[in-house]
C-alpha atoms as a PDB file:
ATOM      1  CA  MET A   1      64.036 107.680  99.093  1.00  0.00           C
ATOM      2  CA  PRO A   2      62.526 110.752 101.231  1.00  0.00           C
ATOM      3  CA  ALA A   3      60.095 113.111  99.397  1.00  0.00           C
ATOM      4  CA  LEU A   4      62.802 116.097 100.199  1.00  0.00           C
ATOM      5  CA  ALA A   5      65.729 113.898  98.762  1.00  0.00           C
ATOM      6  CA  TYR A   6      63.315 113.505  95.491  1.00  0.00           C
ATOM      7  CA  GLY A   7      62.435 117.402  94.904  1.00  0.00           C
ATOM      8  CA  ALA A   8      66.311 118.041  95.509  1.00  0.00           C
ATOM      9  CA  LEU A   9      67.111 115.599  92.585  1.00  0.00           C
ATOM     10  CA  LEU A  10      64.445 117.072  90.424  1.00  0.00           C
ATOM     11  CA  GLY A  11      65.855 120.510  90.874  1.00  0.00           C
ATOM     12  CA  VAL A  12      69.454 118.878  89.938  1.00  0.00           C
ATOM     13  CA  VAL A  13      67.821 117.213  86.865  1.00  0.00           C
ATOM     14  CA  VAL A  14      66.611 120.463  85.707  1.00  0.00           C
ATOM     15  CA  LEU A  15      69.624 122.874  86.464  1.00  0.00           C
ATOM     16  CA  TRP A  16      72.334 120.063  85.125  1.00  0.00           C
ATOM     17  CA  GLY A  17      70.405 119.458  81.945  1.00  0.00           C
ATOM     18  CA  SER A  18      70.233 123.108  81.485  1.00  0.00           C
ATOM     19  CA  ALA A  19      74.049 123.723  81.902  1.00  0.00           C
ATOM     20  CA  PHE A  20      75.072 121.417  78.637  1.00  0.00           C
ATOM     21  CA  PRO A  21      73.788 124.250  76.003  1.00  0.00           C
ATOM     22  CA  VAL A  22      74.999 126.971  78.409  1.00  0.00           C
ATOM     23  CA  ILE A  23      78.394 125.783  78.133  1.00  0.00           C
ATOM     24  CA  LYS A  24      78.578 125.380  74.414  1.00  0.00           C
ATOM     25  CA  ILE A  25      77.378 129.241  74.342  1.00  0.00           C
ATOM     26  CA  GLY A  26      80.454 130.015  76.948  1.00  0.00           C
ATOM     27  CA  LEU A  27      82.551 127.998  75.011  1.00  0.00           C
ATOM     28  CA  ASP A  28      82.174 130.344  71.752  1.00  0.00           C
ATOM     29  CA  GLY A  29      83.017 133.201  73.838  1.00  0.00           C
ATOM     30  CA  LEU A  30      85.527 132.315  76.644  1.00  0.00           C
ATOM     31  CA  GLY A  31      87.263 128.795  75.510  1.00  0.00           C
ATOM     32  CA  VAL A  32      87.815 125.709  77.639  1.00  0.00           C
ATOM     33  CA  ALA A  33      90.453 127.218  80.271  1.00  0.00           C
ATOM     34  CA  HIS A  34      88.626 130.534  81.063  1.00  0.00           C
ATOM     35  CA  LEU A  35      85.132 129.216  81.015  1.00  0.00           C
ATOM     36  CA  THR A  36      86.030 126.629  83.257  1.00  0.00           C
ATOM     37  CA  LEU A  37      87.904 128.909  85.584  1.00  0.00           C
ATOM     38  CA  LEU A  38      85.392 131.854  85.616  1.00  0.00           C
ATOM     39  CA  ARG A  39      82.588 129.131  86.268  1.00  0.00           C
ATOM     40  CA  HIS A  40      84.047 127.993  89.508  1.00  0.00           C
ATOM     41  CA  LEU A  41      85.223 131.578  90.408  1.00  0.00           C
ATOM     42  CA  VAL A  42      81.626 132.444  90.358  1.00  0.00           C
ATOM     43  CA  ALA A  43      80.618 129.561  92.159  1.00  0.00           C
ATOM     44  CA  SER A  44      83.226 129.868  94.746  1.00  0.00           C
ATOM     45  CA  LEU A  45      81.873 133.325  95.521  1.00  0.00           C
ATOM     46  CA  ALA A  46      78.335 132.203  95.450  1.00  0.00           C
ATOM     47  CA  PHE A  47      79.216 129.596  98.152  1.00  0.00           C
ATOM     48  CA  LEU A  48      80.960 132.075 100.278  1.00  0.00           C
ATOM     49  CA  ALA A  49      78.064 134.191 100.179  1.00  0.00           C
ATOM     50  CA  PHE A  50      75.483 131.277 100.942  1.00  0.00           C
ATOM     51  CA  LEU A  51      77.705 129.964 103.909  1.00  0.00           C
ATOM     52  CA  ILE A  52      77.985 133.290 105.764  1.00  0.00           C
ATOM     53  CA  ALA A  53      73.950 133.494 105.176  1.00  0.00           C
ATOM     54  CA  ALA A  54      73.404 130.124 106.839  1.00  0.00           C
ATOM     55  CA  GLY A  55      75.969 130.562 109.339  1.00  0.00           C
ATOM     56  CA  GLY A  56      78.296 127.657 107.995  1.00  0.00           C
ATOM     57  CA  ARG A  57      81.729 126.679 108.624  1.00  0.00           C
ATOM     58  CA  LEU A  58      84.175 128.613 106.423  1.00  0.00           C
ATOM     59  CA  ARG A  59      86.958 126.051 106.500  1.00  0.00           C
ATOM     60  CA  PRO A  60      87.026 122.290 106.986  1.00  0.00           C
ATOM     61  CA  ARG A  61      88.892 120.540 110.011  1.00  0.00           C
ATOM     62  CA  ALA A  62      92.852 120.198 109.065  1.00  0.00           C
ATOM     63  CA  ALA A  63      92.462 116.322 108.765  1.00  0.00           C
ATOM     64  CA  ASP A  64      89.982 116.744 105.788  1.00  0.00           C
ATOM     65  CA  LEU A  65      91.801 118.736 103.863  1.00  0.00           C
ATOM     66  CA  PRO A  66      93.502 115.776 101.774  1.00  0.00           C
ATOM     67  CA  THR A  67      89.841 114.327 101.371  1.00  0.00           C
ATOM     68  CA  PHE A  68      88.334 117.811 100.139  1.00  0.00           C
ATOM     69  CA  ALA A  69      91.457 118.054  98.001  1.00  0.00           C
ATOM     70  CA  LEU A  70      91.137 114.875  96.175  1.00  0.00           C
ATOM     71  CA  LEU A  71      87.249 115.232  95.939  1.00  0.00           C
ATOM     72  CA  GLY A  72      87.549 119.003  94.175  1.00  0.00           C
ATOM     73  CA  PHE A  73      90.190 117.211  92.018  1.00  0.00           C
ATOM     74  CA  LEU A  74      88.113 114.571  90.937  1.00  0.00           C
ATOM     75  CA  GLY A  75      84.600 115.951  90.686  1.00  0.00           C
ATOM     76  CA  ILE A  76      85.388 119.797  90.133  1.00  0.00           C
ATOM     77  CA  PHE A  77      88.972 120.007  88.083  1.00  0.00           C
ATOM     78  CA  VAL A  78      88.798 116.731  86.195  1.00  0.00           C
ATOM     79  CA  TYR A  79      85.424 116.522  85.492  1.00  0.00           C
ATOM     80  CA  HIS A  80      84.384 120.135  84.143  1.00  0.00           C
ATOM     81  CA  THR A  81      87.903 120.587  82.325  1.00  0.00           C
ATOM     82  CA  ALA A  82      87.490 117.136  80.484  1.00  0.00           C
ATOM     83  CA  LEU A  83      83.663 118.146  79.932  1.00  0.00           C
ATOM     84  CA  ASN A  84      84.155 121.599  78.420  1.00  0.00           C
ATOM     85  CA  ALA A  85      86.849 119.949  76.277  1.00  0.00           C
ATOM     86  CA  GLY A  86      84.653 117.423  75.019  1.00  0.00           C
ATOM     87  CA  GLU A  87      81.867 119.778  74.287  1.00  0.00           C
ATOM     88  CA  LEU A  88      84.109 121.512  71.839  1.00  0.00           C
ATOM     89  CA  ARG A  89      83.297 118.951  69.389  1.00  0.00           C
ATOM     90  CA  VAL A  90      80.535 116.733  70.616  1.00  0.00           C
ATOM     91  CA  SER A  91      77.142 118.435  70.499  1.00  0.00           C
ATOM     92  CA  ALA A  92      75.313 119.496  73.885  1.00  0.00           C
ATOM     93  CA  GLY A  93      72.691 116.723  73.857  1.00  0.00           C
ATOM     94  CA  ALA A  94      74.881 113.998  73.185  1.00  0.00           C
ATOM     95  CA  THR A  95      77.252 115.378  75.711  1.00  0.00           C
ATOM     96  CA  SER A  96      74.738 115.103  78.592  1.00  0.00           C
ATOM     97  CA  LEU A  97      73.722 111.408  77.226  1.00  0.00           C
ATOM     98  CA  ILE A  98      77.508 110.676  77.278  1.00  0.00           C
ATOM     99  CA  ILE A  99      77.779 112.084  80.849  1.00  0.00           C
ATOM    100  CA  ALA A 100      74.739 110.013  81.876  1.00  0.00           C
ATOM    101  CA  SER A 101      76.913 106.782  81.868  1.00  0.00           C
ATOM    102  CA  ALA A 102      77.968 108.332  85.226  1.00  0.00           C
ATOM    103  CA  PRO A 103      75.389 106.320  87.506  1.00  0.00           C
ATOM    104  CA  ALA A 104      76.191 103.001  85.798  1.00  0.00           C
ATOM    105  CA  LEU A 105      79.965 103.778  86.641  1.00  0.00           C
ATOM    106  CA  THR A 106      78.934 105.003  90.191  1.00  0.00           C
ATOM    107  CA  ALA A 107      77.106 101.604  90.990  1.00  0.00           C
ATOM    108  CA  VAL A 108      80.408  99.916  89.833  1.00  0.00           C
ATOM    109  CA  PHE A 109      82.723 102.238  92.026  1.00  0.00           C
ATOM    110  CA  ALA A 110      80.052 101.940  94.708  1.00  0.00           C
ATOM    111  CA  ALA A 111      79.916  98.240  94.897  1.00  0.00           C
ATOM    112  CA  TRP A 112      83.967  98.040  94.840  1.00  0.00           C
ATOM    113  CA  LEU A 113      84.600 100.985  97.623  1.00  0.00           C
ATOM    114  CA  LEU A 114      81.373 100.845  99.442  1.00  0.00           C
ATOM    115  CA  ARG A 115      80.301  97.635  99.400  1.00  0.00           C
ATOM    116  CA  GLU A 116      77.138  98.577  98.008  1.00  0.00           C
ATOM    117  CA  ARG A 117      74.864  95.859  97.055  1.00  0.00           C
ATOM    118  CA  MET A 118      72.918  95.986  93.624  1.00  0.00           C
ATOM    119  CA  SER A 119      70.599  93.496  92.400  1.00  0.00           C
ATOM    120  CA  ARG A 120      70.913  91.497  88.963  1.00  0.00           C
ATOM    121  CA  ARG A 121      68.115  93.605  87.683  1.00  0.00           C
ATOM    122  CA  ALA A 122      69.584  96.586  88.750  1.00  0.00           C
ATOM    123  CA  TRP A 123      73.086  95.961  87.221  1.00  0.00           C
ATOM    124  CA  ALA A 124      71.005  95.039  84.042  1.00  0.00           C
ATOM    125  CA  GLY A 125      69.443  98.450  84.056  1.00  0.00           C
ATOM    126  CA  SER A 126      73.026  99.892  84.274  1.00  0.00           C
ATOM    127  CA  VAL A 127      74.486  97.962  81.561  1.00  0.00           C
ATOM    128  CA  THR A 128      71.492  98.809  79.617  1.00  0.00           C
ATOM    129  CA  SER A 129      72.042 102.577  79.989  1.00  0.00           C
ATOM    130  CA  PHE A 130      75.532 102.304  79.521  1.00  0.00           C
ATOM    131  CA  LEU A 131      75.184 100.511  76.037  1.00  0.00           C
ATOM    132  CA  GLY A 132      72.875 103.259  75.223  1.00  0.00           C
ATOM    133  CA  VAL A 133      75.626 105.950  75.960  1.00  0.00           C
ATOM    134  CA  ALA A 134      77.671 104.209  73.432  1.00  0.00           C
ATOM    135  CA  LEU A 135      75.355 104.506  70.625  1.00  0.00           C
ATOM    136  CA  ILE A 136      75.260 108.041  71.467  1.00  0.00           C
ATOM    137  CA  ALA A 137      78.828 108.242  71.141  1.00  0.00           C
ATOM    138  CA  LEU A 138      78.732 106.627  67.868  1.00  0.00           C
ATOM    139  CA  GLY A 139      75.832 108.398  66.370  1.00  0.00           C
ATOM    140  CA  ASP A 140      76.569 112.269  67.187  1.00  0.00           C
ATOM    141  CA  GLY A 141      77.152 113.341  63.751  1.00  0.00           C
ATOM    142  CA  GLU A 142      76.706 112.901  60.227  1.00  0.00           C
ATOM    143  CA  ALA A 143      78.435 109.484  60.006  1.00  0.00           C
ATOM    144  CA  LEU A 144      78.563 106.378  62.031  1.00  0.00           C
ATOM    145  CA  ARG A 145      82.046 107.274  63.876  1.00  0.00           C
ATOM    146  CA  PHE A 146      83.620 107.566  67.267  1.00  0.00           C
ATOM    147  CA  ASP A 147      84.574 111.219  67.962  1.00  0.00           C
ATOM    148  CA  PRO A 148      88.014 111.000  69.988  1.00  0.00           C
ATOM    149  CA  PHE A 149      86.779 114.086  71.740  1.00  0.00           C
ATOM    150  CA  ALA A 150      84.194 111.865  73.224  1.00  0.00           C
ATOM    151  CA  GLY A 151      86.904 110.542  75.086  1.00  0.00           C
ATOM    152  CA  PHE A 152      87.154 113.681  77.460  1.00  0.00           C
ATOM    153  CA  LEU A 153      83.590 112.961  78.210  1.00  0.00           C
ATOM    154  CA  VAL A 154      84.204 109.240  79.502  1.00  0.00           C
ATOM    155  CA  LEU A 155      86.780 110.818  81.411  1.00  0.00           C
ATOM    156  CA  ALA A 156      84.440 113.350  82.924  1.00  0.00           C
ATOM    157  CA  ALA A 157      82.214 110.575  83.694  1.00  0.00           C
ATOM    158  CA  VAL A 158      84.745 108.689  85.738  1.00  0.00           C
ATOM    159  CA  GLY A 159      86.091 111.609  87.446  1.00  0.00           C
ATOM    160  CA  THR A 160      82.609 112.537  88.679  1.00  0.00           C
ATOM    161  CA  SER A 161      81.482 108.873  89.429  1.00  0.00           C
ATOM    162  CA  LEU A 162      84.595 108.479  91.634  1.00  0.00           C
ATOM    163  CA  TYR A 163      83.574 112.074  93.398  1.00  0.00           C
ATOM    164  CA  PHE A 164      80.028 110.725  94.068  1.00  0.00           C
ATOM    165  CA  VAL A 165      81.269 107.504  95.890  1.00  0.00           C
ATOM    166  CA  LEU A 166      84.282 109.202  97.640  1.00  0.00           C
ATOM    167  CA  GLN A 167      82.120 112.088  98.751  1.00  0.00           C
ATOM    168  CA  GLN A 168      79.733 109.629 100.641  1.00  0.00           C
ATOM    169  CA  ARG A 169      82.012 109.008 103.562  1.00  0.00           C
ATOM    170  CA  ILE A 170      82.635 112.546 104.542  1.00  0.00           C
ATOM    171  CA  LEU A 171      79.007 113.658 104.561  1.00  0.00           C
ATOM    172  CA  ALA A 172      78.432 112.555 108.338  1.00  0.00           C
ATOM    173  CA  ARG A 173      80.821 115.316 109.242  1.00  0.00           C
ATOM    174  CA  TYR A 174      79.653 118.305 107.574  1.00  0.00           C
ATOM    175  CA  ARG A 175      76.321 119.835 106.266  1.00  0.00           C
ATOM    176  CA  PRO A 176      75.525 119.356 102.302  1.00  0.00           C
ATOM    177  CA  LEU A 177      76.202 123.231 101.856  1.00  0.00           C
ATOM    178  CA  GLU A 178      79.414 123.086 103.771  1.00  0.00           C
ATOM    179  CA  THR A 179      80.814 120.091 101.908  1.00  0.00           C
ATOM    180  CA  THR A 180      80.048 121.295  98.353  1.00  0.00           C
ATOM    181  CA  ALA A 181      81.511 124.837  99.060  1.00  0.00           C
ATOM    182  CA  PHE A 182      84.669 123.226 100.324  1.00  0.00           C
ATOM    183  CA  VAL A 183      84.950 120.415  97.522  1.00  0.00           C
ATOM    184  CA  THR A 184      84.293 123.468  94.902  1.00  0.00           C
ATOM    185  CA  TRP A 185      87.114 125.713  96.584  1.00  0.00           C
ATOM    186  CA  ALA A 186      89.539 122.810  96.566  1.00  0.00           C
ATOM    187  CA  GLY A 187      88.929 122.114  92.885  1.00  0.00           C
ATOM    188  CA  THR A 188      89.106 125.703  91.963  1.00  0.00           C
ATOM    189  CA  VAL A 189      92.634 126.209  93.041  1.00  0.00           C
ATOM    190  CA  PRO A 190      94.215 124.147  90.407  1.00  0.00           C
ATOM    191  CA  MET A 191      92.182 126.138  87.863  1.00  0.00           C
ATOM    192  CA  LEU A 192      94.223 129.134  88.691  1.00  0.00           C
ATOM    193  CA  ALA A 193      96.538 127.840  86.207  1.00  0.00           C
ATOM    194  CA  PHE A 194      94.269 128.923  83.605  1.00  0.00           C
ATOM    195  CA  LEU A 195      94.341 132.643  84.929  1.00  0.00           C
ATOM    196  CA  PRO A 196      96.920 134.087  82.590  1.00  0.00           C
ATOM    197  CA  GLY A 197      94.996 135.958  79.896  1.00  0.00           C
ATOM    198  CA  LEU A 198      91.833 135.591  81.499  1.00  0.00           C
ATOM    199  CA  PRO A 199      91.068 139.615  82.026  1.00  0.00           C
ATOM    200  CA  ALA A 200      91.926 140.171  78.088  1.00  0.00           C
ATOM    201  CA  THR A 201      89.394 137.254  77.178  1.00  0.00           C
ATOM    202  CA  LEU A 202      86.763 138.768  79.691  1.00  0.00           C
ATOM    203  CA  ALA A 203      87.325 142.071  77.974  1.00  0.00           C
ATOM    204  CA  GLY A 204      86.665 140.598  74.376  1.00  0.00           C
ATOM    205  CA  ALA A 205      84.007 138.133  75.482  1.00  0.00           C
ATOM    206  CA  PRO A 206      80.483 138.670  73.732  1.00  0.00           C
ATOM    207  CA  THR A 207      77.864 139.404  76.869  1.00  0.00           C
ATOM    208  CA  ASP A 208      75.994 136.108  76.303  1.00  0.00           C
ATOM    209  CA  ALA A 209      79.226 134.192  77.081  1.00  0.00           C
ATOM    210  CA  LEU A 210      79.493 136.064  80.186  1.00  0.00           C
ATOM    211  CA  ILE A 211      76.014 135.745  81.219  1.00  0.00           C
ATOM    212  CA  GLY A 212      75.965 131.923  80.567  1.00  0.00           C
ATOM    213  CA  ALA A 213      79.229 131.625  83.029  1.00  0.00           C
ATOM    214  CA  THR A 214      77.656 133.420  85.623  1.00  0.00           C
ATOM    215  CA  TYR A 215      74.539 131.294  85.262  1.00  0.00           C
ATOM    216  CA  ILE A 216      76.311 128.032  85.401  1.00  0.00           C
ATOM    217  CA  GLY A 217      78.661 129.177  88.051  1.00  0.00           C
ATOM    218  CA  VAL A 218      75.600 130.209  90.491  1.00  0.00           C
ATOM    219  CA  PHE A 219      72.784 127.621  89.387  1.00  0.00           C
ATOM    220  CA  PRO A 220      73.899 124.379  88.068  1.00  0.00           C
ATOM    221  CA  SER A 221      77.537 124.552  90.375  1.00  0.00           C
ATOM    222  CA  ALA A 222      76.386 126.165  93.360  1.00  0.00           C
ATOM    223  CA  VAL A 223      72.628 125.478  93.874  1.00  0.00           C
ATOM    224  CA  ALA A 224      72.534 122.292  91.953  1.00  0.00           C
ATOM    225  CA  TYR A 225      75.641 120.579  93.593  1.00  0.00           C
ATOM    226  CA  THR A 226      74.233 121.422  97.101  1.00  0.00           C
ATOM    227  CA  LEU A 227      70.855 119.912  96.176  1.00  0.00           C
ATOM    228  CA  PHE A 228      72.590 116.883  95.137  1.00  0.00           C
ATOM    229  CA  THR A 229      74.921 116.568  98.180  1.00  0.00           C
ATOM    230  CA  PHE A 230      71.736 116.973 100.273  1.00  0.00           C
ATOM    231  CA  ALA A 231      70.104 114.086  98.592  1.00  0.00           C
ATOM    232  CA  GLN A 232      73.227 112.087  98.956  1.00  0.00           C
ATOM    233  CA  SER A 233      73.047 112.794 102.444  1.00  0.00           C
ATOM    234  CA  ARG A 234      69.729 110.941 102.731  1.00  0.00           C
ATOM    235  CA  ALA A 235      69.841 107.901 100.285  1.00  0.00           C
ATOM    236  CA  PRO A 236      72.417 105.653  99.105  1.00  0.00           C
ATOM    237  CA  VAL A 237      74.786 107.088  96.059  1.00  0.00           C
ATOM    238  CA  THR A 238      73.776 104.730  93.733  1.00  0.00           C
ATOM    239  CA  ARG A 239      70.355 105.219  94.200  1.00  0.00           C
ATOM    240  CA  VAL A 240      70.753 109.134  93.768  1.00  0.00           C
ATOM    241  CA  ALA A 241      73.024 108.890  90.938  1.00  0.00           C
ATOM    242  CA  THR A 242      70.565 106.840  89.025  1.00  0.00           C
ATOM    243  CA  MET A 243      68.245 109.481  88.895  1.00  0.00           C
ATOM    244  CA  LEU A 244      70.560 111.347  87.073  1.00  0.00           C
ATOM    245  CA  TYR A 245      69.603 109.299  83.983  1.00  0.00           C
ATOM    246  CA  GLY A 246      66.858 112.038  83.387  1.00  0.00           C
ATOM    247  CA  VAL A 247      69.170 114.871  82.705  1.00  0.00           C
ATOM    248  CA  PRO A 248      69.858 114.510  79.060  1.00  0.00           C
ATOM    249  CA  VAL A 249      65.936 114.959  78.889  1.00  0.00           C
ATOM    250  CA  VAL A 250      66.285 118.368  79.775  1.00  0.00           C
ATOM    251  CA  ALA A 251      69.260 119.014  78.169  1.00  0.00           C
ATOM    252  CA  LEU A 252      68.162 117.702  74.526  1.00  0.00           C
ATOM    253  CA  THR A 253      65.092 119.859  74.806  1.00  0.00           C
ATOM    254  CA  ALA A 254      67.337 123.166  75.913  1.00  0.00           C
ATOM    255  CA  SER A 255      69.605 122.268  73.456  1.00  0.00           C
ATOM    256  CA  TRP A 256      67.106 122.302  70.720  1.00  0.00           C
ATOM    257  CA  ALA A 257      65.666 125.554  72.210  1.00  0.00           C
ATOM    258  CA  LEU A 258      68.721 127.509  72.509  1.00  0.00           C
ATOM    259  CA  LEU A 259      71.110 126.022  69.916  1.00  0.00           C
ATOM    260  CA  GLY A 260      68.695 124.568  66.989  1.00  0.00           C
ATOM    261  CA  GLU A 261      70.711 121.328  67.997  1.00  0.00           C
ATOM    262  CA  VAL A 262      68.617 118.240  66.289  1.00  0.00           C
ATOM    263  CA  PRO A 263      69.653 114.788  67.510  1.00  0.00           C
ATOM    264  CA  THR A 264      70.477 112.189  64.918  1.00  0.00           C
ATOM    265  CA  PRO A 265      68.077 109.028  64.917  1.00  0.00           C
ATOM    266  CA  LEU A 266      70.935 107.016  66.425  1.00  0.00           C
ATOM    267  CA  THR A 267      71.446 109.442  69.295  1.00  0.00           C
ATOM    268  CA  LEU A 268      67.373 109.481  70.291  1.00  0.00           C
ATOM    269  CA  VAL A 269      67.865 105.322  70.156  1.00  0.00           C
ATOM    270  CA  GLY A 270      70.785 105.461  72.301  1.00  0.00           C
ATOM    271  CA  GLY A 271      68.958 108.029  74.895  1.00  0.00           C
ATOM    272  CA  ALA A 272      66.056 106.221  75.078  1.00  0.00           C
ATOM    273  CA  ILE A 273      67.929 103.090  75.797  1.00  0.00           C
ATOM    274  CA  ALA A 274      69.979 104.849  78.261  1.00  0.00           C
ATOM    275  CA  ILE A 275      67.021 106.376  79.925  1.00  0.00           C
ATOM    276  CA  ALA A 276      65.111 103.113  80.038  1.00  0.00           C
ATOM    277  CA  GLY A 277      67.976 102.092  82.500  1.00  0.00           C
ATOM    278  CA  ILE A 278      66.461 104.460  85.160  1.00  0.00           C
ATOM    279  CA  VAL A 279      63.119 102.145  84.847  1.00  0.00           C
ATOM    280  CA  VAL A 280      64.674  98.882  85.169  1.00  0.00           C
ATOM    281  CA  VAL A 281      67.155 100.057  88.053  1.00  0.00           C
ATOM    282  CA  GLN A 282      64.399 102.140  90.103  1.00  0.00           C
ATOM    283  CA  ARG A 283      62.105  99.174  89.837  1.00  0.00           C
ATOM    284  CA  ALA A 284      64.601  96.707  91.134  1.00  0.00           C
ATOM    285  CA  ARG A 285      65.149  99.276  94.215  1.00  0.00           C
ATOM    286  CA  ARG A 286      61.500  98.982  95.025  1.00  0.00           C
ATOM    287  CA  ALA A 287      61.078  95.592  94.430  1.00  0.00           C
ATOM    288  CA  ALA A 288      64.142  94.876  96.710  1.00  0.00           C
ATOM    289  CA  ARG A 289      62.877  97.198  99.561  1.00  0.00           C
ATOM    290  CA  ALA A 290      59.135  95.504  98.997  1.00  0.00           C
ATOM    291  CA  ALA A 291      60.845  92.044  99.396  1.00  0.00           C
ATOM    292  CA  PRO A 292      60.326  90.412 102.910  1.00  0.00           C
ATOM    293  CA  ALA A 293      63.533  90.055 105.052  1.00  0.00           C
ATOM    294  CA  ALA A 294      64.577  86.315 105.208  1.00  0.00           C
ATOM    295  CA  PRO A 295      63.678  84.764 108.705  1.00  0.00           C
ATOM    296  CA  ALA A 296      66.271  84.496 111.208  1.00  0.00           C
ATOM    297  CA  ARG A 297      67.707  81.124 111.338  1.00  0.00           C
ATOM    298  CA  PRO A 298      67.573  79.596 114.866  1.00  0.00           C
ATOM    299  CA  GLU A 299      70.912  79.508 116.857  1.00  0.00           C
ATOM    300  CA  GLY A 300      72.957  76.307 116.069  1.00  0.00           C
ATOM    301  CA  VAL A 301      71.203  76.118 112.547  1.00  0.00           C
ATOM    302  CA  ARG A 302      73.994  76.302 109.518  1.00  0.00           C
END
């Protein structure tokens, strides 16, 4: 993977990791529907400013509108609505770890839809990470139990994984900034159903919730999504998505610093197992790249 793509993904890991505790703060003052809508109204305006400044296109080709509508629905509307709903009951740190199952799901969908191949070791790493996520879902709380609200987070992970994979097909026709802007605008349209009551909610919301919504709209949404799409345009989606297993490290640290959330021992064990999957998958990728290519067989040999 090119160094610029790695640098972009490092920024994504930091920004997306920081979003989870800030979402928790925003939920306390705005609720699921209005936080989701406000974040993406802010992001939509930020993308408009970015595109004007960069001289990018302000609308996609008409033929690509259905594709952007699908990407926006899965990657923006479904993902963020389900994420915010799940975080009502699940801690911010554990939420980030459950969402970290997305790279494993992305590998499955990429193999199915894009025919991307993964070695057995890479598959083992992804499965290991997914098992770690299962431990987190069971261990986030005082008792060993599965919180039904974690189901929203699984739905969010499925939505964003499909988005990662399906977006790969359109990157050749649009710049990363244009792609993420059009996807965000498309995903914000169905969120307008949350508009009733928004002015009253904003008037009564605490300052930290409003600041938090603005922050996640500009940085984890507008900036980080563009950085992720930039990296995805330069490497296979499974390699790019695997790096997101590092997001929970930032999220757990930020949740402890901002919210005072202390992860349970089982959450930490699950997190360690999930993150270990990164090492396995990345080593498998490096080994595959270093392996010599099979010699071509002479004509007529079977």
